[in-house]
Amino acid sequence: MSVVFSDMSMSLDGFIAGPNDGIELPLGAGGERLHQWVYELASQPERQGVAGGTTGADDEIGEDSIWRAGAILMGRRMFESRPT
């Protein structure tokens, strides 16, 4: 039997992107601020073969969520923003 887990950055008021999201701003105006903590982890640039980033408990959790994912499901808005 498979195990299903959920992983997402969300503000306390329930937003995962800033206002005015679209093709030019996929995360909306200022939307990257919510996810900034992930970008600074060592496990993120390591996926692209680049050294750097911070290590610690947050990085260990990030690394674990990357390697245990067999599939990633995204909402339809992720694809609505893409140019055709």
C-alpha atoms as a PDB file:
ATOM      1  CA  MET A   1       0.000   0.000   0.000  1.00  0.00           C
ATOM      2  CA  SER A   2       1.243   3.472  -0.881  1.00  0.00           C
ATOM      3  CA  VAL A   3       1.638   6.337   1.538  1.00  0.00           C
ATOM      4  CA  VAL A   4       0.281   9.751   0.566  1.00  0.00           C
ATOM      5  CA  PHE A   5       1.691  12.938   2.068  1.00  0.00           C
ATOM      6  CA  SER A   6       1.106  16.627   1.468  1.00  0.00           C
ATOM      7  CA  ASP A   7       3.729  19.359   1.451  1.00  0.00           C
ATOM      8  CA  MET A   8       3.056  23.046   0.794  1.00  0.00           C
ATOM      9  CA  SER A   9       4.049  26.549   1.883  1.00  0.00           C
ATOM     10  CA  MET A  10       1.001  28.589   2.785  1.00  0.00           C
ATOM     11  CA  SER A  11       0.500  31.881   4.586  1.00  0.00           C
ATOM     12  CA  LEU A  12      -1.614  31.959   7.739  1.00  0.00           C
ATOM     13  CA  ASP A  13      -4.476  33.492   5.771  1.00  0.00           C
ATOM     14  CA  GLY A  14      -4.458  30.578   3.288  1.00  0.00           C
ATOM     15  CA  PHE A  15      -2.617  32.025   0.290  1.00  0.00           C
ATOM     16  CA  ILE A  16       0.089  30.181  -1.663  1.00  0.00           C
ATOM     17  CA  ALA A  17       0.715  33.002  -4.168  1.00  0.00           C
ATOM     18  CA  GLY A  18       0.596  36.789  -4.207  1.00  0.00           C
ATOM     19  CA  PRO A  19      -1.948  38.913  -6.073  1.00  0.00           C
ATOM     20  CA  ASN A  20      -1.888  39.350  -9.867  1.00  0.00           C
ATOM     21  CA  ASP A  21      -0.436  35.944 -10.725  1.00  0.00           C
ATOM     22  CA  GLY A  22      -0.074  35.065 -14.394  1.00  0.00           C
ATOM     23  CA  ILE A  23       2.451  34.108 -17.049  1.00  0.00           C
ATOM     24  CA  GLU A  24       4.923  36.844 -16.101  1.00  0.00           C
ATOM     25  CA  LEU A  25       4.421  36.375 -12.339  1.00  0.00           C
ATOM     26  CA  PRO A  26       3.574  32.692 -11.691  1.00  0.00           C
ATOM     27  CA  LEU A  27       3.630  33.239  -7.906  1.00  0.00           C
ATOM     28  CA  GLY A  28       1.998  36.666  -8.135  1.00  0.00           C
ATOM     29  CA  ALA A  29       3.338  40.021  -6.974  1.00  0.00           C
ATOM     30  CA  GLY A  30       5.659  39.323  -4.034  1.00  0.00           C
ATOM     31  CA  GLY A  31       4.640  35.648  -4.000  1.00  0.00           C
ATOM     32  CA  GLU A  32       8.218  34.364  -3.771  1.00  0.00           C
ATOM     33  CA  ARG A  33       8.498  35.817  -0.234  1.00  0.00           C
ATOM     34  CA  LEU A  34       6.354  32.982   1.095  1.00  0.00           C
ATOM     35  CA  HIS A  35       8.713  30.367  -0.333  1.00  0.00           C
ATOM     36  CA  GLN A  36      12.010  32.211   0.298  1.00  0.00           C
ATOM     37  CA  TRP A  37      12.968  29.911   3.168  1.00  0.00           C
ATOM     38  CA  VAL A  38      13.033  26.939   0.759  1.00  0.00           C
ATOM     39  CA  TYR A  39      15.254  28.713  -1.789  1.00  0.00           C
ATOM     40  CA  GLU A  40      17.913  29.269   0.887  1.00  0.00           C
ATOM     41  CA  LEU A  41      18.258  25.573   1.812  1.00  0.00           C
ATOM     42  CA  ALA A  42      21.282  23.562   0.661  1.00  0.00           C
ATOM     43  CA  SER A  43      19.031  20.808  -0.736  1.00  0.00           C
ATOM     44  CA  GLN A  44      17.512  23.158  -3.333  1.00  0.00           C
ATOM     45  CA  PRO A  45      20.597  24.294  -5.329  1.00  0.00           C
ATOM     46  CA  GLU A  46      22.051  20.797  -4.860  1.00  0.00           C
ATOM     47  CA  ARG A  47      19.260  19.462  -7.118  1.00  0.00           C
ATOM     48  CA  GLN A  48      20.714  21.594  -9.940  1.00  0.00           C
ATOM     49  CA  GLY A  49      24.298  20.574  -9.158  1.00  0.00           C
ATOM     50  CA  VAL A  50      25.204  23.838  -7.396  1.00  0.00           C
ATOM     51  CA  ALA A  51      26.808  24.029  -3.962  1.00  0.00           C
ATOM     52  CA  GLY A  52      25.610  26.414  -1.268  1.00  0.00           C
ATOM     53  CA  GLY A  53      22.668  27.092   0.994  1.00  0.00           C
ATOM     54  CA  THR A  54      21.984  26.596   4.654  1.00  0.00           C
ATOM     55  CA  THR A  55      21.854  23.258   6.428  1.00  0.00           C
ATOM     56  CA  GLY A  56      19.992  22.193   9.532  1.00  0.00           C
ATOM     57  CA  ALA A  57      16.558  20.859  10.454  1.00  0.00           C
ATOM     58  CA  ASP A  58      14.732  22.750   7.669  1.00  0.00           C
ATOM     59  CA  ASP A  59      17.171  21.443   5.060  1.00  0.00           C
ATOM     60  CA  GLU A  60      16.820  17.878   6.329  1.00  0.00           C
ATOM     61  CA  ILE A  61      13.031  18.107   6.010  1.00  0.00           C
ATOM     62  CA  GLY A  62      13.375  19.607   2.523  1.00  0.00           C
ATOM     63  CA  GLU A  63      15.772  16.894   1.430  1.00  0.00           C
ATOM     64  CA  ASP A  64      13.501  14.165   2.769  1.00  0.00           C
ATOM     65  CA  SER A  65      10.452  15.542   0.957  1.00  0.00           C
ATOM     66  CA  ILE A  66      12.393  15.662  -2.335  1.00  0.00           C
ATOM     67  CA  TRP A  67      13.612  12.059  -2.209  1.00  0.00           C
ATOM     68  CA  ARG A  68      10.467  10.373  -0.901  1.00  0.00           C
ATOM     69  CA  ALA A  69       8.197  11.843  -3.585  1.00  0.00           C
ATOM     70  CA  GLY A  70       7.279   9.282  -6.221  1.00  0.00           C
ATOM     71  CA  ALA A  71       4.952  11.702  -8.014  1.00  0.00           C
ATOM     72  CA  ILE A  72       4.031  15.341  -7.621  1.00  0.00           C
ATOM     73  CA  LEU A  73       0.473  16.519  -8.188  1.00  0.00           C
ATOM     74  CA  MET A  74      -0.094  20.140  -9.152  1.00  0.00           C
ATOM     75  CA  GLY A  75      -3.283  22.156  -9.386  1.00  0.00           C
ATOM     76  CA  ARG A  76      -4.742  23.238 -12.717  1.00  0.00           C
ATOM     77  CA  ARG A  77      -3.704  26.867 -12.188  1.00  0.00           C
ATOM     78  CA  MET A  78      -0.100  25.737 -12.490  1.00  0.00           C
ATOM     79  CA  PHE A  79      -0.843  24.905 -16.116  1.00  0.00           C
ATOM     80  CA  GLU A  80      -3.227  27.783 -16.843  1.00  0.00           C
ATOM     81  CA  SER A  81      -0.336  30.222 -16.326  1.00  0.00           C
ATOM     82  CA  ARG A  82       1.866  28.525 -18.925  1.00  0.00           C
ATOM     83  CA  PRO A  83       2.086  30.079 -22.381  1.00  0.00           C
ATOM     84  CA  THR A  84       0.653  27.920 -25.193  1.00  0.00           C
END
